[in-house]
């Protein structure tokens, strides 16, 4: 519990957004560990589902925070893998690139 409070202080004081994001992920991990320890001590393994959902929510929340705070393109591009090549963005508008007017 003391570590969670220290990490929460780091999240509040943290000078950058990344410090706050790492702090939130650390708090999520520590709370999940506490939930799992409670499940083990009590012998009630229904808490595993709760801990798993809590970790998933923390992961999705972290991705959402990154998407909101980090500008740019979030498309997955894997060269050589069909369907994941992505679009090639060209700034040229000449007739060679297909963006200009045709002279037929």
N, C-alpha and C. Protein backbone atom coordinates (compact mmCIF):
# COMPACT_ATOMS: atom_id res chain seq x y z
N UNK A 1 0.81 -1.18 0.00
CA UNK A 1 0.00 0.00 0.00
C UNK A 1 0.86 1.26 0.00
N UNK A 2 1.97 1.20 0.70
CA UNK A 2 2.86 2.36 0.75
C UNK A 2 3.42 2.64 -0.65
N UNK A 3 3.75 1.58 -1.37
CA UNK A 3 4.28 1.77 -2.72
C UNK A 3 3.24 2.38 -3.65
N UNK A 4 1.99 2.00 -3.49
CA UNK A 4 0.93 2.57 -4.32
C UNK A 4 0.80 4.07 -4.05
N UNK A 5 0.91 4.45 -2.78
CA UNK A 5 0.82 5.88 -2.43
C UNK A 5 2.02 6.64 -3.00
N UNK A 6 3.21 6.05 -2.94
CA UNK A 6 4.39 6.71 -3.50
C UNK A 6 4.28 6.87 -5.02
N UNK A 7 3.77 5.83 -5.67
CA UNK A 7 3.61 5.91 -7.13
C UNK A 7 2.51 6.91 -7.49
N UNK A 8 1.47 6.99 -6.67
CA UNK A 8 0.42 7.99 -6.90
C UNK A 8 0.98 9.40 -6.76
N UNK A 9 1.85 9.60 -5.79
CA UNK A 9 2.53 10.90 -5.67
C UNK A 9 3.35 11.20 -6.91
N UNK A 10 4.01 10.19 -7.44
CA UNK A 10 4.80 10.38 -8.68
C UNK A 10 3.88 10.74 -9.85
N UNK A 11 2.69 10.16 -9.88
CA UNK A 11 1.74 10.49 -10.95
C UNK A 11 1.26 11.93 -10.83
N UNK A 12 1.09 12.40 -9.61
CA UNK A 12 0.62 13.77 -9.42
C UNK A 12 1.74 14.77 -9.70
N UNK A 13 2.94 14.48 -9.23
CA UNK A 13 4.07 15.41 -9.37
C UNK A 13 4.73 15.30 -10.74
N UNK A 14 4.69 14.13 -11.35
CA UNK A 14 5.42 13.86 -12.59
C UNK A 14 5.41 15.00 -13.59
N UNK A 15 6.57 15.43 -14.05
CA UNK A 15 6.60 16.58 -14.94
C UNK A 15 6.09 16.30 -16.35
N UNK A 16 6.14 15.06 -16.78
CA UNK A 16 5.70 14.76 -18.15
C UNK A 16 4.53 13.79 -18.12
N UNK A 17 3.87 13.71 -19.26
CA UNK A 17 2.73 12.81 -19.39
C UNK A 17 3.18 11.36 -19.32
N UNK A 18 4.36 11.08 -19.86
CA UNK A 18 4.88 9.71 -19.83
C UNK A 18 5.11 9.25 -18.40
N UNK A 19 5.59 10.15 -17.52
CA UNK A 19 5.76 9.80 -16.11
C UNK A 19 4.42 9.42 -15.49
N UNK A 20 3.39 10.16 -15.83
CA UNK A 20 2.07 9.87 -15.29
C UNK A 20 1.53 8.56 -15.83
N UNK A 21 1.76 8.29 -17.12
CA UNK A 21 1.30 7.04 -17.72
C UNK A 21 2.00 5.84 -17.08
N UNK A 22 3.29 5.93 -16.88
CA UNK A 22 4.03 4.84 -16.24
C UNK A 22 3.55 4.64 -14.81
N UNK A 23 3.25 5.73 -14.12
CA UNK A 23 2.74 5.63 -12.76
C UNK A 23 1.38 4.92 -12.72
N UNK A 24 0.51 5.27 -13.66
CA UNK A 24 -0.81 4.63 -13.71
C UNK A 24 -0.66 3.14 -14.00
N UNK A 25 0.26 2.78 -14.90
CA UNK A 25 0.49 1.36 -15.18
C UNK A 25 1.06 0.64 -13.97
N UNK A 26 1.93 1.30 -13.22
CA UNK A 26 2.49 0.68 -12.01
C UNK A 26 1.41 0.47 -10.96
N UNK A 27 0.52 1.45 -10.80
CA UNK A 27 -0.57 1.31 -9.84
C UNK A 27 -1.49 0.15 -10.25
N UNK A 28 -1.79 0.06 -11.54
CA UNK A 28 -2.63 -1.04 -12.03
C UNK A 28 -1.98 -2.40 -11.73
N UNK A 29 -0.69 -2.49 -11.94
CA UNK A 29 0.01 -3.76 -11.68
C UNK A 29 -0.01 -4.11 -10.20
N UNK A 30 0.22 -3.11 -9.35
CA UNK A 30 0.24 -3.38 -7.91
C UNK A 30 -1.15 -3.76 -7.38
N UNK A 31 -2.19 -3.08 -7.84
CA UNK A 31 -3.54 -3.43 -7.40
C UNK A 31 -3.92 -4.83 -7.90
N UNK A 32 -3.51 -5.17 -9.12
CA UNK A 32 -3.79 -6.51 -9.64
C UNK A 32 -3.07 -7.57 -8.80
N UNK A 33 -1.84 -7.28 -8.39
CA UNK A 33 -1.11 -8.22 -7.53
C UNK A 33 -1.80 -8.38 -6.19
N UNK A 34 -2.32 -7.29 -5.64
CA UNK A 34 -3.05 -7.39 -4.36
C UNK A 34 -4.31 -8.23 -4.53
N UNK A 35 -5.04 -8.03 -5.63
CA UNK A 35 -6.25 -8.81 -5.89
C UNK A 35 -5.90 -10.29 -6.02
N UNK A 36 -4.82 -10.59 -6.72
CA UNK A 36 -4.42 -11.99 -6.88
C UNK A 36 -3.97 -12.61 -5.56
N UNK A 37 -3.29 -11.85 -4.73
CA UNK A 37 -2.90 -12.36 -3.41
C UNK A 37 -4.13 -12.63 -2.55
N UNK A 38 -5.12 -11.74 -2.62
CA UNK A 38 -6.37 -11.98 -1.88
C UNK A 38 -7.05 -13.25 -2.36
N UNK A 39 -7.04 -13.47 -3.66
CA UNK A 39 -7.66 -14.68 -4.21
C UNK A 39 -6.93 -15.93 -3.71
N UNK A 40 -5.62 -15.86 -3.65
CA UNK A 40 -4.84 -17.02 -3.21
C UNK A 40 -5.07 -17.29 -1.73
N UNK A 41 -5.08 -16.23 -0.92
CA UNK A 41 -5.25 -16.41 0.52
C UNK A 41 -6.64 -16.93 0.86
N UNK A 42 -7.67 -16.37 0.22
CA UNK A 42 -9.04 -16.78 0.52
C UNK A 42 -9.43 -18.07 -0.17
N UNK A 43 -8.71 -18.45 -1.19
CA UNK A 43 -9.06 -19.66 -1.93
C UNK A 43 -10.24 -19.46 -2.86
N UNK A 44 -10.62 -18.22 -3.08
CA UNK A 44 -11.74 -17.90 -3.98
C UNK A 44 -11.15 -17.44 -5.30
N UNK A 45 -11.15 -18.34 -6.27
CA UNK A 45 -10.45 -18.04 -7.52
C UNK A 45 -11.29 -17.24 -8.51
N UNK A 46 -12.44 -16.76 -8.08
CA UNK A 46 -13.23 -15.85 -8.89
C UNK A 46 -12.57 -14.48 -9.01
N UNK A 47 -11.67 -14.19 -8.07
CA UNK A 47 -10.95 -12.93 -8.12
C UNK A 47 -9.96 -12.86 -9.28
N UNK A 48 -9.57 -14.00 -9.82
CA UNK A 48 -8.65 -13.98 -10.96
C UNK A 48 -9.27 -13.26 -12.15
N UNK A 49 -10.56 -13.49 -12.37
CA UNK A 49 -11.25 -12.81 -13.46
C UNK A 49 -11.27 -11.30 -13.24
N UNK A 50 -11.50 -10.91 -12.00
CA UNK A 50 -11.53 -9.48 -11.68
C UNK A 50 -10.16 -8.86 -11.93
N UNK A 51 -9.11 -9.53 -11.50
CA UNK A 51 -7.75 -9.02 -11.71
C UNK A 51 -7.42 -8.95 -13.20
N UNK A 52 -7.85 -9.96 -13.95
CA UNK A 52 -7.58 -9.98 -15.39
C UNK A 52 -8.29 -8.82 -16.10
N UNK A 53 -9.55 -8.59 -15.75
CA UNK A 53 -10.30 -7.49 -16.36
C UNK A 53 -9.69 -6.16 -15.95
N UNK A 54 -9.26 -6.05 -14.71
CA UNK A 54 -8.62 -4.82 -14.24
C UNK A 54 -7.34 -4.54 -15.02
N UNK A 55 -6.55 -5.59 -15.27
CA UNK A 55 -5.31 -5.40 -16.05
C UNK A 55 -5.63 -5.03 -17.50
N UNK A 56 -6.64 -5.65 -18.09
CA UNK A 56 -7.02 -5.30 -19.45
C UNK A 56 -7.50 -3.86 -19.55
N UNK A 57 -8.28 -3.42 -18.56
CA UNK A 57 -8.74 -2.03 -18.57
C UNK A 57 -7.57 -1.06 -18.44
N UNK A 58 -6.60 -1.40 -17.62
CA UNK A 58 -5.41 -0.56 -17.50
C UNK A 58 -4.62 -0.50 -18.79
N UNK A 59 -4.52 -1.63 -19.48
CA UNK A 59 -3.80 -1.67 -20.75
C UNK A 59 -4.50 -0.84 -21.81
N UNK A 60 -5.81 -1.02 -21.94
CA UNK A 60 -6.58 -0.28 -22.94
C UNK A 60 -6.58 1.21 -22.60
N UNK A 61 -6.67 1.53 -21.32
CA UNK A 61 -6.61 2.93 -20.91
C UNK A 61 -5.27 3.56 -21.25
N UNK A 62 -4.19 2.81 -21.06
CA UNK A 62 -2.86 3.31 -21.43
C UNK A 62 -2.73 3.55 -22.92
N UNK A 63 -3.28 2.63 -23.71
CA UNK A 63 -3.25 2.84 -25.16
C UNK A 63 -4.06 4.05 -25.57
N UNK A 64 -5.21 4.24 -24.92
CA UNK A 64 -6.04 5.40 -25.23
C UNK A 64 -5.33 6.70 -24.88
N UNK A 65 -4.67 6.72 -23.72
CA UNK A 65 -3.92 7.93 -23.33
C UNK A 65 -2.82 8.21 -24.34
N UNK A 66 -2.10 7.18 -24.77
CA UNK A 66 -1.05 7.38 -25.78
C UNK A 66 -1.64 7.88 -27.09
N UNK A 67 -2.75 7.33 -27.51
CA UNK A 67 -3.36 7.75 -28.77
C UNK A 67 -3.80 9.21 -28.72
N UNK A 68 -4.32 9.63 -27.59
CA UNK A 68 -4.78 11.01 -27.44
C UNK A 68 -3.59 11.96 -27.35
N UNK A 69 -2.56 11.57 -26.65
CA UNK A 69 -1.47 12.50 -26.38
C UNK A 69 -0.34 12.48 -27.39
N UNK A 70 -0.24 11.41 -28.17
CA UNK A 70 0.82 11.33 -29.17
C UNK A 70 0.19 11.51 -30.55
N UNK A 71 0.47 12.64 -31.18
CA UNK A 71 -0.13 12.85 -32.50
C UNK A 71 0.50 11.95 -33.55
N UNK A 72 -0.19 11.80 -34.65
CA UNK A 72 0.40 11.05 -35.75
C UNK A 72 -0.50 9.96 -36.26
N UNK A 73 0.09 9.14 -37.10
CA UNK A 73 -0.61 8.08 -37.80
C UNK A 73 -0.48 6.78 -37.01
N UNK A 74 -1.60 6.11 -36.75
CA UNK A 74 -1.59 4.89 -35.95
C UNK A 74 -1.93 3.67 -36.79
N UNK A 75 -1.53 3.65 -38.08
CA UNK A 75 -1.77 2.48 -38.90
C UNK A 75 -0.62 1.51 -38.75
N UNK A 76 -0.97 0.22 -38.71
CA UNK A 76 0.04 -0.82 -38.64
C UNK A 76 0.58 -1.07 -40.04
N UNK A 77 1.88 -0.93 -40.21
CA UNK A 77 2.51 -1.18 -41.51
C UNK A 77 3.60 -2.23 -41.34
N UNK A 78 3.41 -3.36 -42.03
CA UNK A 78 4.40 -4.42 -42.02
C UNK A 78 4.79 -4.68 -43.47
N UNK A 79 6.00 -4.26 -43.87
CA UNK A 79 6.40 -4.47 -45.26
C UNK A 79 6.45 -5.95 -45.61
N UNK A 80 5.89 -6.28 -46.76
CA UNK A 80 5.92 -7.65 -47.24
C UNK A 80 4.78 -8.52 -46.74
N UNK A 81 3.92 -7.99 -45.89
CA UNK A 81 2.80 -8.77 -45.38
C UNK A 81 1.52 -8.26 -46.01
N UNK A 82 0.85 -9.15 -46.73
CA UNK A 82 -0.33 -8.74 -47.49
C UNK A 82 -1.41 -8.18 -46.56
N UNK A 83 -1.91 -7.01 -46.93
CA UNK A 83 -2.94 -6.36 -46.15
C UNK A 83 -2.42 -5.38 -45.12
N UNK A 84 -1.11 -5.43 -44.84
CA UNK A 84 -0.54 -4.54 -43.84
C UNK A 84 0.57 -3.65 -44.41
N UNK A 85 0.62 -3.51 -45.73
CA UNK A 85 1.67 -2.69 -46.32
C UNK A 85 1.45 -1.21 -46.04
N UNK A 86 0.20 -0.80 -45.89
CA UNK A 86 -0.11 0.61 -45.67
C UNK A 86 -0.08 1.36 -46.98
N UNK A 87 -0.52 2.58 -46.93
CA UNK A 87 -0.52 3.41 -48.12
C UNK A 87 0.76 4.22 -48.18
N UNK A 88 1.28 4.37 -49.37
CA UNK A 88 2.46 5.21 -49.56
C UNK A 88 1.94 6.62 -49.80
N UNK A 89 2.29 7.52 -48.90
CA UNK A 89 1.83 8.89 -49.03
C UNK A 89 2.86 9.67 -49.83
N UNK A 90 2.42 10.28 -50.90
CA UNK A 90 3.31 11.03 -51.77
C UNK A 90 2.91 12.49 -51.75
N UNK A 91 3.92 13.36 -51.70
CA UNK A 91 3.64 14.79 -51.71
C UNK A 91 3.77 15.37 -53.11
N UNK A 92 4.19 14.53 -54.06
CA UNK A 92 4.34 14.99 -55.43
C UNK A 92 2.97 15.02 -56.12
N UNK A 93 2.74 16.05 -56.94
CA UNK A 93 1.47 16.14 -57.66
C UNK A 93 1.70 16.27 -59.16
N UNK A 94 2.84 15.87 -59.61
CA UNK A 94 3.15 15.96 -61.03
C UNK A 94 2.47 14.85 -61.81
N UNK A 95 2.54 14.92 -63.17
CA UNK A 95 1.91 13.89 -64.00
C UNK A 95 2.54 12.52 -63.82
N UNK A 96 3.82 12.46 -63.41
CA UNK A 96 4.48 11.17 -63.22
C UNK A 96 3.87 10.41 -62.06
N UNK A 97 3.41 11.13 -61.02
CA UNK A 97 2.87 10.45 -59.86
C UNK A 97 1.37 10.20 -59.98
N UNK A 98 0.77 10.64 -61.07
CA UNK A 98 -0.64 10.38 -61.28
C UNK A 98 -1.54 11.44 -60.66
N UNK A 99 -0.96 12.47 -60.09
CA UNK A 99 -1.77 13.48 -59.42
C UNK A 99 -2.05 14.69 -60.28
N UNK A 100 -1.46 14.77 -61.46
CA UNK A 100 -1.64 15.96 -62.30
C UNK A 100 -2.72 15.77 -63.33
N UNK A 101 -2.94 16.81 -64.10
CA UNK A 101 -3.94 16.76 -65.17
C UNK A 101 -3.39 15.99 -66.36
N UNK A 102 -4.27 15.30 -67.04
CA UNK A 102 -3.89 14.52 -68.23
C UNK A 102 -3.94 15.41 -69.47
N UNK A 103 -2.99 15.18 -70.40
CA UNK A 103 -2.93 15.97 -71.62
C UNK A 103 -3.39 15.17 -72.82
N UNK A 104 -4.38 14.28 -72.70
CA UNK A 104 -4.83 13.45 -73.83
C UNK A 104 -5.57 14.31 -74.81
